[in-house]
C-alpha cells in the first residue's frame, strides 16, 4: 500500500508537467482539428490549408514558449572543470 501512496505523491508533484504535456498535445493537433472542422463546414480547400497552417504555426510558437526552459542550458548545473595548477 505504501508504494501506491508514493506513486500518488509523485503524480501530485508532477501534475504541472502533466498539464503542460496535455496542453502541448492539444496545441500540436490544433491545426488538424481546425482543418477537419472547416472541411466539415464545407470550406474551400485553399482556405482550409491556409487556416490550418496558420493555426499550427501559432500553436508551435506557443509550444516553444512552454518548453523553452528545457532548451536553455543552465550554467549553474554544469560541473566546473578543475583548473590545472601550473608549477
N, C-alpha and C. Protein backbone atom coordinates (compact mmCIF):
# COMPACT_ATOMS: atom_id res chain seq x y z
N UNK A 1 0.81 -1.19 0.00
CA UNK A 1 0.00 0.00 0.00
C UNK A 1 0.85 1.26 0.00
N UNK A 2 2.06 1.16 0.59
CA UNK A 2 2.90 2.36 0.67
C UNK A 2 3.39 2.78 -0.72
N UNK A 3 3.57 1.83 -1.62
CA UNK A 3 4.03 2.21 -2.96
C UNK A 3 2.94 2.98 -3.71
N UNK A 4 1.67 2.71 -3.40
CA UNK A 4 0.57 3.46 -4.02
C UNK A 4 0.62 4.91 -3.53
N UNK A 5 0.85 5.10 -2.23
CA UNK A 5 0.95 6.45 -1.69
C UNK A 5 2.14 7.19 -2.29
N UNK A 6 3.24 6.45 -2.48
CA UNK A 6 4.43 7.06 -3.06
C UNK A 6 4.18 7.48 -4.51
N UNK A 7 3.50 6.63 -5.27
CA UNK A 7 3.20 6.95 -6.66
C UNK A 7 2.20 8.10 -6.77
N UNK A 8 1.21 8.14 -5.89
CA UNK A 8 0.26 9.25 -5.89
C UNK A 8 0.93 10.57 -5.52
N UNK A 9 1.89 10.51 -4.59
CA UNK A 9 2.64 11.72 -4.23
C UNK A 9 3.49 12.17 -5.42
N UNK A 10 4.09 11.22 -6.12
CA UNK A 10 4.88 11.56 -7.31
C UNK A 10 3.99 12.17 -8.38
N UNK A 11 2.80 11.62 -8.57
CA UNK A 11 1.87 12.15 -9.56
C UNK A 11 1.41 13.55 -9.16
N UNK A 12 1.18 13.76 -7.88
CA UNK A 12 0.78 15.08 -7.40
C UNK A 12 1.90 16.10 -7.62
N UNK A 13 3.14 15.69 -7.39
CA UNK A 13 4.27 16.60 -7.60
C UNK A 13 4.50 16.92 -9.08
N UNK A 14 4.18 15.97 -9.95
CA UNK A 14 4.43 16.19 -11.37
C UNK A 14 3.18 16.65 -12.12
N UNK A 15 2.15 17.04 -11.42
CA UNK A 15 0.91 17.49 -12.05
C UNK A 15 1.10 18.69 -13.00
N UNK A 16 1.94 19.68 -12.65
CA UNK A 16 2.16 20.77 -13.62
C UNK A 16 2.78 20.28 -14.93
N UNK A 17 3.70 19.32 -14.87
CA UNK A 17 4.28 18.79 -16.11
C UNK A 17 3.27 17.99 -16.90
N UNK A 18 2.38 17.28 -16.22
CA UNK A 18 1.34 16.52 -16.91
C UNK A 18 0.39 17.48 -17.62
N UNK A 19 0.02 18.55 -16.93
CA UNK A 19 -0.86 19.55 -17.52
C UNK A 19 -0.18 20.21 -18.72
N UNK A 20 1.11 20.54 -18.58
CA UNK A 20 1.84 21.17 -19.67
C UNK A 20 1.95 20.22 -20.86
N UNK A 21 2.15 18.94 -20.61
CA UNK A 21 2.21 17.96 -21.70
C UNK A 21 0.89 17.83 -22.43
N UNK A 22 -0.20 17.82 -21.70
CA UNK A 22 -1.52 17.76 -22.34
C UNK A 22 -1.78 19.02 -23.16
N UNK A 23 -1.37 20.16 -22.65
CA UNK A 23 -1.53 21.40 -23.40
C UNK A 23 -0.71 21.40 -24.68
N UNK A 24 0.49 20.85 -24.64
CA UNK A 24 1.33 20.76 -25.83
C UNK A 24 0.70 19.84 -26.87
N UNK A 25 0.13 18.74 -26.44
CA UNK A 25 -0.54 17.82 -27.38
C UNK A 25 -1.74 18.50 -28.02
N UNK A 26 -2.51 19.22 -27.23
CA UNK A 26 -3.67 19.94 -27.79
C UNK A 26 -3.22 21.00 -28.78
N UNK A 27 -2.17 21.74 -28.43
CA UNK A 27 -1.67 22.76 -29.35
C UNK A 27 -1.10 22.14 -30.62
N UNK A 28 -0.42 21.02 -30.48
CA UNK A 28 0.20 20.39 -31.65
C UNK A 28 -0.83 19.83 -32.61
N UNK A 29 -1.99 19.46 -32.13
CA UNK A 29 -3.02 18.90 -33.00
C UNK A 29 -4.11 19.91 -33.36
N UNK A 30 -3.93 21.16 -32.94
CA UNK A 30 -4.97 22.16 -33.18
C UNK A 30 -5.14 22.48 -34.66
N UNK A 31 -4.05 22.49 -35.42
CA UNK A 31 -4.16 22.75 -36.86
C UNK A 31 -4.97 21.69 -37.57
N UNK A 32 -4.75 20.45 -37.20
CA UNK A 32 -5.52 19.35 -37.78
C UNK A 32 -6.98 19.45 -37.38
N UNK A 33 -7.24 19.77 -36.13
CA UNK A 33 -8.62 19.90 -35.66
C UNK A 33 -9.37 21.00 -36.39
N UNK A 34 -8.71 22.13 -36.59
CA UNK A 34 -9.34 23.24 -37.32
C UNK A 34 -9.59 22.84 -38.77
N UNK A 35 -8.63 22.14 -39.36
CA UNK A 35 -8.80 21.71 -40.76
C UNK A 35 -9.98 20.76 -40.90
N UNK A 36 -10.12 19.83 -39.97
CA UNK A 36 -11.25 18.89 -40.01
C UNK A 36 -12.57 19.63 -39.81
N UNK A 37 -12.58 20.59 -38.88
CA UNK A 37 -13.80 21.37 -38.64
C UNK A 37 -14.19 22.18 -39.88
N UNK A 38 -13.21 22.82 -40.52
CA UNK A 38 -13.50 23.60 -41.71
C UNK A 38 -13.95 22.71 -42.87
N UNK A 39 -13.39 21.53 -42.96
CA UNK A 39 -13.82 20.59 -44.01
C UNK A 39 -15.26 20.16 -43.77
N UNK A 40 -15.61 19.94 -42.51
CA UNK A 40 -16.97 19.57 -42.16
C UNK A 40 -17.96 20.68 -42.50
N UNK A 41 -17.49 21.93 -42.40
CA UNK A 41 -18.35 23.08 -42.70
C UNK A 41 -18.32 23.45 -44.18
N UNK A 42 -17.73 22.62 -45.03
CA UNK A 42 -17.68 22.78 -46.49
C UNK A 42 -16.98 24.05 -46.95
N UNK A 43 -15.80 24.34 -46.37
CA UNK A 43 -14.99 25.45 -46.84
C UNK A 43 -14.12 24.99 -48.00
N UNK A 44 -13.56 25.96 -48.71
CA UNK A 44 -12.67 25.70 -49.83
C UNK A 44 -11.37 25.08 -49.32
N UNK A 45 -10.76 24.22 -50.12
CA UNK A 45 -9.53 23.55 -49.72
C UNK A 45 -8.38 24.51 -49.48
N UNK A 46 -8.31 25.58 -50.26
CA UNK A 46 -7.25 26.57 -50.07
C UNK A 46 -7.40 27.29 -48.73
N UNK A 47 -8.62 27.61 -48.38
CA UNK A 47 -8.88 28.26 -47.09
C UNK A 47 -8.56 27.31 -45.95
N UNK A 48 -8.93 26.06 -46.11
CA UNK A 48 -8.64 25.06 -45.08
C UNK A 48 -7.15 24.93 -44.86
N UNK A 49 -6.39 24.84 -45.95
CA UNK A 49 -4.93 24.70 -45.83
C UNK A 49 -4.31 25.94 -45.20
N UNK A 50 -4.71 27.12 -45.65
CA UNK A 50 -4.13 28.34 -45.11
C UNK A 50 -4.42 28.50 -43.63
N UNK A 51 -5.67 28.33 -43.24
CA UNK A 51 -6.03 28.50 -41.83
C UNK A 51 -5.39 27.40 -40.97
N UNK A 52 -5.36 26.17 -41.47
CA UNK A 52 -4.74 25.08 -40.71
C UNK A 52 -3.27 25.32 -40.48
N UNK A 53 -2.55 25.77 -41.52
CA UNK A 53 -1.11 26.05 -41.37
C UNK A 53 -0.88 27.24 -40.46
N UNK A 54 -1.71 28.26 -40.58
CA UNK A 54 -1.58 29.43 -39.73
C UNK A 54 -1.80 29.08 -38.25
N UNK A 55 -2.84 28.34 -37.97
CA UNK A 55 -3.13 27.93 -36.59
C UNK A 55 -2.00 27.04 -36.07
N UNK A 56 -1.49 26.15 -36.90
CA UNK A 56 -0.41 25.25 -36.47
C UNK A 56 0.86 26.05 -36.18
N UNK A 57 1.17 27.06 -36.99
CA UNK A 57 2.35 27.88 -36.74
C UNK A 57 2.23 28.64 -35.43
N UNK A 58 1.07 29.20 -35.17
CA UNK A 58 0.85 29.91 -33.90
C UNK A 58 0.95 28.94 -32.72
N UNK A 59 0.41 27.74 -32.88
CA UNK A 59 0.46 26.75 -31.81
C UNK A 59 1.89 26.30 -31.55
N UNK A 60 2.71 26.17 -32.58
CA UNK A 60 4.10 25.77 -32.38
C UNK A 60 4.90 26.86 -31.67
N UNK A 61 4.56 28.12 -31.92
CA UNK A 61 5.21 29.21 -31.18
C UNK A 61 4.85 29.13 -29.70
N UNK A 62 3.58 28.88 -29.40
CA UNK A 62 3.17 28.70 -28.01
C UNK A 62 3.87 27.50 -27.38
N UNK A 63 4.01 26.41 -28.13
CA UNK A 63 4.70 25.22 -27.61
C UNK A 63 6.16 25.55 -27.30
N UNK A 64 6.79 26.33 -28.16
CA UNK A 64 8.18 26.72 -27.89
C UNK A 64 8.28 27.47 -26.57
N UNK A 65 7.36 28.41 -26.32
CA UNK A 65 7.42 29.16 -25.07
C UNK A 65 7.14 28.27 -23.87
N UNK A 66 6.37 27.21 -24.05
CA UNK A 66 6.11 26.29 -22.94
C UNK A 66 7.32 25.44 -22.59
N UNK A 67 8.14 25.11 -23.58
CA UNK A 67 9.26 24.19 -23.33
C UNK A 67 10.62 24.85 -23.48
N UNK A 68 10.68 26.16 -23.57
CA UNK A 68 11.96 26.81 -23.82
C UNK A 68 12.93 26.65 -22.67
N UNK A 69 12.45 26.46 -21.46
CA UNK A 69 13.38 26.29 -20.34
C UNK A 69 14.16 24.98 -20.45
N UNK A 70 13.64 24.02 -21.20
CA UNK A 70 14.36 22.77 -21.40
C UNK A 70 15.45 22.91 -22.45
N UNK A 71 15.36 23.95 -23.30
CA UNK A 71 16.36 24.16 -24.33
C UNK A 71 17.53 25.01 -23.84
N UNK A 72 17.29 25.82 -22.84
CA UNK A 72 18.33 26.71 -22.32
C UNK A 72 19.17 25.94 -21.31
N UNK A 73 20.46 25.90 -21.56
CA UNK A 73 21.35 25.22 -20.63
C UNK A 73 21.60 26.12 -19.43
N UNK A 74 21.51 25.54 -18.28
CA UNK A 74 21.74 26.31 -17.07
C UNK A 74 23.23 26.22 -16.73
N UNK A 75 23.83 27.36 -16.55
CA UNK A 75 25.26 27.38 -16.27
C UNK A 75 25.57 26.83 -14.88
N UNK A 76 24.69 27.06 -13.92
CA UNK A 76 24.98 26.60 -12.57
C UNK A 76 24.87 25.08 -12.44
N UNK A 77 24.19 24.42 -13.37
CA UNK A 77 24.07 22.97 -13.29
C UNK A 77 25.25 22.26 -13.94
N UNK A 78 26.06 22.99 -14.72
CA UNK A 78 27.22 22.38 -15.35
C UNK A 78 28.32 22.22 -14.31
N UNK A 79 28.91 21.03 -14.26
CA UNK A 79 30.04 20.88 -13.33
C UNK A 79 31.26 21.61 -13.89
N UNK A 80 31.90 22.34 -13.03
CA UNK A 80 33.06 23.09 -13.48
C UNK A 80 34.26 22.16 -13.58
N UNK A 81 35.06 22.39 -14.60
CA UNK A 81 36.26 21.59 -14.78
C UNK A 81 37.31 22.07 -13.77
N UNK A 82 38.01 21.11 -13.21
CA UNK A 82 39.07 21.54 -12.27
C UNK A 82 40.17 22.26 -13.04
N UNK A 83 40.64 23.33 -12.47
CA UNK A 83 41.70 24.10 -13.12
C UNK A 83 43.03 23.45 -12.90
N UNK A 84 43.84 23.48 -13.94
CA UNK A 84 45.18 22.90 -13.85
C UNK A 84 46.09 23.82 -13.06
N UNK A 85 46.82 23.24 -12.20
CA UNK A 85 47.78 24.03 -11.42
C UNK A 85 49.12 23.99 -12.14
N UNK A 86 49.61 25.16 -12.43
CA UNK A 86 50.91 25.22 -13.09
C UNK A 86 52.00 25.39 -12.04
N UNK A 87 53.07 24.66 -12.26
CA UNK A 87 54.18 24.75 -11.30
C UNK A 87 55.18 25.77 -11.74
